[in-house]
Protein backbone atom coordinates (compact mmCIF):
# COMPACT_ATOMS: atom_id res chain seq x y z
CA MET A 1 43.07 27.52 -14.30
CA SER A 2 43.60 30.16 -11.64
CA SER A 3 45.61 29.33 -8.57
CA PHE A 4 42.64 29.21 -6.18
CA LEU A 5 41.78 25.75 -7.51
CA HIS A 6 45.11 24.23 -6.63
CA GLN A 7 46.42 25.84 -3.48
CA ARG A 8 49.46 24.17 -1.97
CA THR A 9 49.38 22.65 1.49
CA LEU A 10 51.60 24.60 3.86
CA GLN A 11 54.67 22.74 4.96
CA ASN A 12 55.46 22.51 8.68
CA PRO A 13 57.72 25.49 9.36
CA PHE A 14 58.93 23.97 12.59
CA SER A 15 60.76 20.93 11.24
CA ASN A 16 64.35 21.16 12.49
CA PRO A 17 64.52 24.97 12.65
CA PHE A 18 67.65 24.98 14.83
CA PRO A 19 70.11 22.29 13.64
CA VAL A 20 72.49 21.40 16.46
CA SER A 21 76.15 20.55 15.94
CA ALA A 22 78.19 18.44 18.35
CA PRO A 23 79.88 20.52 21.09
CA SER A 24 83.62 21.01 20.77
CA SER A 25 85.98 19.88 23.49
CA ALA A 26 86.90 23.49 24.17
CA ASN A 27 83.32 24.49 24.82
CA SER A 28 82.76 21.53 27.13
CA LYS A 29 85.50 22.75 29.46
CA ARG A 30 84.27 26.38 29.69
CA PRO A 31 82.75 27.48 33.00
CA PHE A 32 78.92 27.54 33.03
CA SER A 33 78.86 31.24 33.93
CA SER A 34 80.88 32.15 30.86
CA ILE A 35 78.60 30.14 28.57
CA LEU A 36 75.53 32.07 29.74
CA GLY A 37 76.70 35.42 28.48
CA PRO A 38 74.32 38.17 27.36
CA THR A 39 74.18 36.89 23.75
CA THR A 40 73.43 33.32 24.81
CA LEU A 41 70.73 34.41 27.27
CA LEU A 42 69.06 36.49 24.57
CA ALA A 43 69.09 33.53 22.18
CA LEU A 44 67.60 31.22 24.83
CA LEU A 45 64.88 33.75 25.64
CA SER A 46 63.97 34.01 21.94
CA LEU A 47 63.78 30.22 21.71
CA VAL A 48 61.45 30.03 24.71
CA VAL A 49 59.12 32.60 23.13
CA ILE A 50 59.06 30.74 19.79
CA VAL A 51 58.38 27.37 21.43
CA GLY A 52 55.69 28.83 23.70
CA VAL A 53 53.83 30.42 20.82
CA PHE A 54 54.06 27.71 18.16
CA CYS A 55 54.36 24.34 19.88
CA PRO A 56 50.60 24.01 20.54
CA TRP A 57 50.06 24.15 16.75
CA VAL A 58 52.79 21.65 15.92
CA SER A 59 51.11 18.88 17.91
CA MET A 60 47.56 19.34 16.56
CA PRO A 61 45.75 15.97 16.19
CA GLN A 62 45.23 14.64 12.68
CA GLY A 63 42.15 16.11 11.05
CA PHE A 64 42.14 19.24 13.19
CA SER A 65 42.42 22.46 11.22
CA PHE A 66 42.86 26.08 12.16
CA THR A 67 43.03 29.41 10.42
CA SER A 68 46.23 31.41 10.61
CA THR A 69 44.28 34.65 10.77
CA SER A 70 42.70 35.33 14.16
CA THR A 71 39.84 37.65 15.00
CA SER A 72 42.29 40.24 16.30
CA ASP A 73 44.13 40.19 12.94
CA SER A 74 40.95 40.80 10.95
CA LYS A 75 39.65 44.33 10.55
CA TRP A 76 36.11 42.90 10.41
CA GLY A 77 36.48 40.11 12.96
CA HIS A 78 34.14 41.79 15.44
CA TYR A 79 31.48 42.73 12.88
CA THR A 80 28.37 40.79 13.87
CA LEU A 81 25.27 39.44 12.19
CA GLU A 82 23.20 41.79 14.35
CA GLN A 83 25.08 44.74 12.86
CA ALA A 84 25.13 43.47 9.27
CA LEU A 85 21.46 42.57 8.80
CA PRO A 86 19.94 46.05 9.28
CA PHE A 87 22.69 47.45 7.03
CA VAL A 88 21.77 45.29 4.02
CA ALA A 89 18.08 44.49 4.56
CA LYS A 90 15.39 45.98 2.35
CA ASN A 91 11.76 45.73 3.47
CA GLY A 92 12.86 43.23 6.10
CA SER A 93 14.49 40.83 3.61
CA VAL A 94 18.09 39.88 2.83
CA ILE A 95 19.80 37.76 0.18
CA VAL A 96 22.43 35.45 1.65
CA CYS A 97 25.16 33.20 0.36
CA ILE A 98 27.84 31.28 2.25
CA VAL A 99 31.37 31.16 0.83
CA SER A 100 34.92 30.17 1.60
CA GLN A 101 37.93 31.59 -0.23
CA PRO A 102 38.04 29.08 -3.14
CA TYR A 103 34.49 30.10 -4.12
CA LEU A 104 35.16 33.84 -4.48
CA PRO A 105 35.16 33.79 -8.32
CA PHE A 106 31.71 32.15 -8.25
CA LEU A 107 30.58 34.72 -5.70
CA ASN A 108 31.61 37.48 -8.06
CA ASN A 109 29.79 35.91 -11.01
CA TRP A 110 26.62 35.45 -8.95
CA LEU A 111 26.83 39.04 -7.69
CA ILE A 112 27.08 40.42 -11.22
CA SER A 113 23.85 38.67 -12.17
CA ILE A 114 22.13 40.07 -9.07
CA THR A 115 23.44 43.55 -9.81
CA MET A 116 21.84 43.32 -13.23
CA GLN A 117 18.51 42.91 -11.38
CA LYS A 118 19.36 45.83 -9.03
CA ARG A 119 19.18 43.68 -5.88
CA GLN A 120 22.88 43.73 -4.92
CA ASP A 121 22.41 46.06 -1.93
CA MET A 122 20.39 43.32 -0.17
CA VAL A 123 23.24 40.80 -0.34
CA LEU A 124 25.02 39.59 2.77
CA VAL A 125 27.96 37.24 2.27
CA ILE A 126 28.50 34.84 5.17
CA ALA A 127 32.24 34.18 4.99
CA GLU A 128 33.57 30.91 6.36
CA ASP A 129 37.15 32.19 6.69
CA TYR A 130 38.77 35.50 7.64
CA ALA A 131 40.47 35.87 4.26
CA SER A 132 37.07 35.95 2.51
CA LEU A 133 35.61 38.20 5.20
CA ASP A 134 38.30 40.83 4.80
CA ARG A 135 38.54 40.52 1.01
CA VAL A 136 34.83 41.15 0.47
CA ASN A 137 34.58 43.92 3.05
CA ASP A 138 37.71 45.67 1.78
CA LEU A 139 36.04 45.96 -1.62
CA TRP A 140 32.43 46.24 -0.43
CA PRO A 141 32.34 47.41 3.21
CA GLY A 142 29.71 45.90 5.46
CA HIS A 143 28.49 43.20 3.09
CA ALA A 144 30.31 40.24 4.65
CA VAL A 145 30.16 38.75 8.12
CA LEU A 146 31.75 35.71 9.75
CA ILE A 147 29.86 33.50 12.20
CA PRO A 148 32.39 31.53 14.32
CA PRO A 149 33.84 28.97 14.54
CA VAL A 150 36.04 29.05 11.44
CA LEU A 151 36.32 25.92 9.31
CA ASP A 152 39.19 24.78 7.12
CA ALA A 153 38.44 26.53 3.81
CA GLU A 154 40.56 24.12 1.77
CA ALA A 155 38.63 21.06 3.00
CA ALA A 156 35.24 22.52 2.07
CA HIS A 157 35.27 22.57 -1.71
CA LYS A 158 35.34 18.89 -2.71
CA PHE A 159 31.80 17.60 -3.14
CA GLY A 160 31.19 14.49 -1.05
CA SER A 161 34.05 15.16 1.37
CA GLN A 162 33.65 15.53 5.12
CA GLY A 163 34.85 19.12 4.76
CA PHE A 164 32.06 19.84 2.27
CA PHE A 165 29.53 18.26 4.64
CA ASN A 166 30.80 20.34 7.56
CA PHE A 167 30.58 23.45 5.39
CA THR A 168 27.02 22.86 4.15
CA ALA A 169 25.76 21.50 7.47
CA ARG A 170 26.19 24.96 9.03
CA ARG A 171 23.66 26.43 6.59
CA PRO A 172 20.46 25.83 8.62
CA ASN A 173 22.11 27.23 11.75
CA HIS A 174 23.07 30.43 9.94
CA LEU A 175 19.60 30.81 8.41
CA LEU A 176 17.89 30.16 11.74
CA LYS A 177 19.90 32.96 13.36
CA ILE A 178 18.67 35.36 10.66
CA LEU A 179 15.03 34.35 11.17
CA GLU A 180 15.35 34.70 14.93
CA LEU A 181 16.54 38.27 14.40
CA GLY A 182 13.29 38.96 12.54
CA TYR A 183 14.39 38.98 8.88
CA SER A 184 13.17 37.09 5.82
CA VAL A 185 16.03 35.49 3.92
CA MET A 186 16.64 34.25 0.41
CA TYR A 187 19.50 31.78 0.34
CA ASN A 188 21.43 30.97 -2.86
CA ASP A 189 24.43 28.82 -3.64
CA VAL A 190 26.92 30.90 -5.61
CA ASP A 191 27.04 28.50 -8.58
CA MET A 192 23.78 30.14 -9.68
CA VAL A 193 23.04 32.97 -12.06
CA TRP A 194 20.02 35.28 -12.04
CA LEU A 195 18.33 35.95 -15.38
CA ALA A 196 15.43 37.86 -13.79
CA ASP A 197 14.28 39.12 -10.38
CA PRO A 198 12.98 36.14 -8.32
CA PHE A 199 11.10 38.19 -5.72
CA PRO A 200 7.91 38.62 -7.80
CA TYR A 201 7.63 34.80 -7.80
CA LEU A 202 7.34 34.63 -4.00
CA LEU A 203 3.56 34.68 -4.17
CA GLY A 204 1.38 34.60 -1.09
CA ASN A 205 2.65 34.54 2.46
CA HIS A 206 4.03 31.02 2.82
CA ASP A 207 6.62 29.97 5.39
CA VAL A 208 9.17 28.34 3.07
CA TYR A 209 9.70 28.50 -0.71
CA PHE A 210 11.95 26.04 -2.55
CA THR A 211 12.73 24.40 -5.91
CA ASP A 212 12.60 20.80 -7.13
CA ASP A 213 15.93 19.15 -7.98
CA MET A 214 14.37 16.50 -10.22
CA THR A 215 14.85 16.59 -13.99
CA ALA A 216 11.43 15.14 -14.87
CA ILE A 217 9.44 17.77 -16.75
CA LYS A 218 6.44 19.22 -14.93
CA ALA A 219 3.38 20.85 -16.44
CA LEU A 220 3.60 24.64 -16.54
CA ASN A 221 0.68 24.80 -14.08
CA HIS A 222 2.09 22.14 -11.76
CA SER A 223 1.16 21.89 -8.09
CA HIS A 224 3.04 24.03 -5.60
CA ASP A 225 2.78 21.41 -2.86
CA LEU A 226 5.75 19.40 -1.63
CA PRO A 227 6.33 16.67 -4.25
CA PRO A 228 5.79 13.05 -3.19
CA PRO A 229 8.73 10.92 -2.02
CA GLY A 230 11.04 9.43 -4.62
CA ARG A 231 12.86 6.08 -4.69
CA LYS A 232 14.80 6.89 -1.53
CA GLY A 233 11.66 7.52 0.46
CA ARG A 234 11.96 11.29 0.46
CA PRO A 235 11.43 14.18 -1.98
CA TYR A 236 14.28 15.71 -4.01
CA ILE A 237 13.99 19.37 -3.08
CA CYS A 238 17.11 21.48 -3.65
CA SER A 239 18.61 23.02 -0.53
CA CYS A 240 20.52 25.56 -2.63
CA MET A 241 17.71 28.05 -3.35
CA ILE A 242 15.37 28.73 -0.44
CA PHE A 243 13.29 31.67 0.76
CA LEU A 244 12.13 31.72 4.38
CA ARG A 245 9.98 34.15 6.32
CA PRO A 246 10.61 34.71 10.06
CA THR A 247 7.64 32.55 11.05
CA ASN A 248 7.33 29.74 13.56
CA GLY A 249 6.80 27.34 10.65
CA ALA A 250 10.04 28.31 8.88
CA LYS A 251 11.96 28.12 12.15
CA LEU A 252 10.52 24.66 12.73
CA VAL A 253 11.81 23.53 9.32
CA LEU A 254 15.33 24.74 10.11
CA LYS A 255 15.33 23.14 13.57
CA LYS A 256 14.16 19.84 12.10
CA TRP A 257 16.82 20.14 9.37
CA ILE A 258 19.51 20.57 12.04
CA GLU A 259 18.11 17.56 13.92
CA GLU A 260 18.16 15.40 10.78
CA LEU A 261 21.78 16.36 10.09
CA GLN A 262 22.70 15.11 13.56
CA ILE A 263 20.87 11.84 12.89
CA GLN A 264 22.61 11.34 9.53
CA PRO A 265 26.23 12.55 9.92
CA TRP A 266 28.88 12.18 7.24
CA SER A 267 30.81 8.92 7.17
CA LYS A 268 33.23 7.24 4.77
CA THR A 269 30.48 4.87 3.68
CA VAL A 270 27.71 7.51 3.47
CA LYS A 271 29.33 10.61 1.99
CA SER A 272 26.32 12.80 2.52
CA ASN A 273 25.63 16.51 2.28
CA ASP A 274 22.94 18.68 3.81
CA GLN A 275 20.26 18.13 1.14
CA PRO A 276 18.90 14.68 2.14
CA ALA A 277 18.44 15.93 5.72
CA PHE A 278 16.56 18.98 4.39
CA ASN A 279 14.19 16.71 2.48
CA TRP A 280 13.57 14.41 5.42
CA ALA A 281 12.80 17.47 7.53
CA LEU A 282 10.32 18.85 4.97
CA MET A 283 8.56 15.51 4.59
CA LYS A 284 8.23 14.87 8.32
CA ILE A 285 6.70 18.27 9.16
CA ALA A 286 4.93 19.12 5.89
CA LYS A 287 1.51 19.12 7.57
CA GLU A 288 2.68 21.62 10.20
CA VAL A 289 4.22 24.17 7.85
CA ASP A 290 3.03 26.26 4.90
CA LEU A 291 5.34 25.14 2.06
CA TYR A 292 5.50 26.41 -1.54
CA LEU A 293 7.19 24.77 -4.52
CA LEU A 294 8.39 27.44 -6.96
CA PRO A 295 7.60 26.98 -10.69
CA GLN A 296 9.99 24.65 -12.49
CA ALA A 297 10.08 26.76 -15.65
CA ALA A 298 11.42 29.72 -13.66
CA PHE A 299 13.76 27.79 -11.32
CA PRO A 300 15.00 24.69 -13.19
CA THR A 301 17.62 22.35 -11.88
CA GLY A 302 20.85 22.23 -13.85
CA GLY A 303 20.14 18.63 -14.80
CA LEU A 304 17.15 19.86 -16.78
CA TYR A 305 18.31 23.25 -18.08
CA PHE A 306 21.73 22.16 -19.34
CA LYS A 307 20.66 18.75 -20.66
CA ASN A 308 17.29 19.26 -22.34
CA LYS A 309 17.57 21.78 -25.18
CA THR A 310 14.00 21.12 -26.32
CA TRP A 311 12.59 22.04 -22.91
CA VAL A 312 14.77 25.16 -22.74
CA LYS A 313 13.47 26.29 -26.12
CA GLU A 314 9.84 25.61 -25.15
CA THR A 315 10.20 27.62 -21.92
CA LYS A 316 12.30 30.43 -23.35
CA GLY A 317 11.72 33.72 -21.54
CA MET A 318 10.43 32.01 -18.37
CA HIS A 319 13.78 31.26 -16.70
CA VAL A 320 14.67 33.24 -13.56
CA ILE A 321 17.53 31.49 -11.71
CA ILE A 322 19.73 28.82 -13.28
CA HIS A 323 21.61 26.45 -11.00
CA ASN A 324 24.89 25.02 -12.30
CA ASN A 325 24.47 21.66 -10.56
CA TYR A 326 24.45 18.06 -11.78
CA ILE A 327 28.14 18.58 -12.50
CA VAL A 328 31.15 18.39 -10.17
CA GLY A 329 34.35 20.44 -10.26
CA PHE A 330 35.18 24.13 -10.45
CA GLU A 331 36.71 23.91 -13.93
CA LYS A 332 33.73 22.01 -15.32
CA LYS A 333 31.24 24.45 -13.82
CA ILE A 334 33.10 27.46 -15.18
CA LYS A 335 33.38 25.89 -18.64
CA ARG A 336 29.66 25.11 -18.69
CA PHE A 337 28.78 28.66 -17.65
CA ARG A 338 31.11 30.01 -20.36
CA ASP A 339 29.57 27.74 -22.98
CA TYR A 340 26.11 29.16 -22.17
CA GLY A 341 27.25 32.77 -21.81
CA PHE A 342 26.70 32.77 -18.04
CA TRP A 343 30.32 33.30 -16.89
CA LEU A 344 29.73 37.02 -16.54
CA VAL A 345 33.07 37.90 -14.95
CA ASP A 346 34.71 37.74 -18.37
CA ASP A 347 32.88 40.77 -19.76
CA HIS A 348 30.98 42.33 -16.87
CA ALA A 349 33.40 42.41 -13.94
CA HIS A 350 33.06 46.21 -13.81
CA GLU A 351 29.40 45.73 -12.87
CA SER A 352 30.19 43.73 -9.73
CA PRO A 353 30.38 45.44 -6.32
CA LEU A 354 33.63 43.50 -5.96
CA GLY A 355 35.09 44.63 -9.28
CA GLY A 356 37.54 42.15 -10.77
CA LEU A 357 38.15 40.62 -7.30
C-alpha cells in the first residue's frame, strides 16, 4: 500500500542536540574574557536563536498538534473562501469536499468520476492542512482553500477517533459559511463515485436534500419525507451527501447541527462522529424546514449497494452516486472499489484535473 497510509511519526529533533563533555582543568583556569572570544560568542548567539524559535514547540502539552507549514510558507495561505467561491461556482452552486493529506488518492478518484459528468469546474476542495492546499492548487490553481485553524491531518483518518470527530465536526461550520455567502452547495465525502449527474435529481426548491443510510429496501416510489426514527430514537440520514440552498431553513439545519455536536462531544466511551448530531438536528426542526429525501435507487448506501446483488441487478441503470461506506480502512475501501471497477485512478488518472497526483 502507498506510503500515505502509514506515515511515520516525527521524532523530537531537539533531544540532546548539543552533547556536553566535562570541562578540562586547563579550560577551567582560563580567564573569562579569553573564553568569550568571537567564535564562542557566535556559537552562543546561534544557540539563543535556536532555543528561542523551537523551545515553545518542545513543551507542547500532550494531545496538542500543530502543522509545520505556516500561512506565510504556503503560496495559497491567504486565499479565502470569499475569493474561491465565485471562481468555481456555476449558476450559484458549488460542489464541496473536505480533505486532509491522507485522503488525496480518494479525492483524485472522486474527481475523475465528476469529470466524467463534466462538473469538475464547480468543485472546491476545502483542505484541512497546508500540504493538501498547496498540492491541489499547484496542480489545479484556485480549486482549494483552507479555513483556519489547521487540524492534525494524521489524527483525522481513523474512524471513531477523536481526530476523526474533530475533522468531521467542522463540516457544518464550513457549509454554513458557504450558505451565508449566498451559494448553494453540494457536499460529498470523497469515498464516493459518481455514475451519473446528480443535479437533475434535485427536484423542486427544497431547503435541504439528503440520502438515507439504512440498508432496508424502499419502494421505487418511496416518500421523500424525513424517515421516522429508528431504534436509537433518531433517523439514519447520511451526512456524507447533502445539498443545501442558501435559505433560512438550510441555515437553521446547520446551526442546529453545530449545537447538537456541542451537546454530544466525542469521548472515550462514546466515540461519536458528526452523523448522529445531524440526525438529531433534522428530527428536532423537521417541521420548520423543507426537507427532501433523495431516491434510494439513485443514491444507495454502501451497505445496500455492495451487499445486495439482487437489488443492484433490479435497479440497474438507476444508480447515480455510490458511497463506499459500511466498511472501515483505506485498504479495504480501495480494494472494494477495485473489485467493482470504481477505482478509476488505475486507468483514468489522465482525466483528473489533478493528473496522477
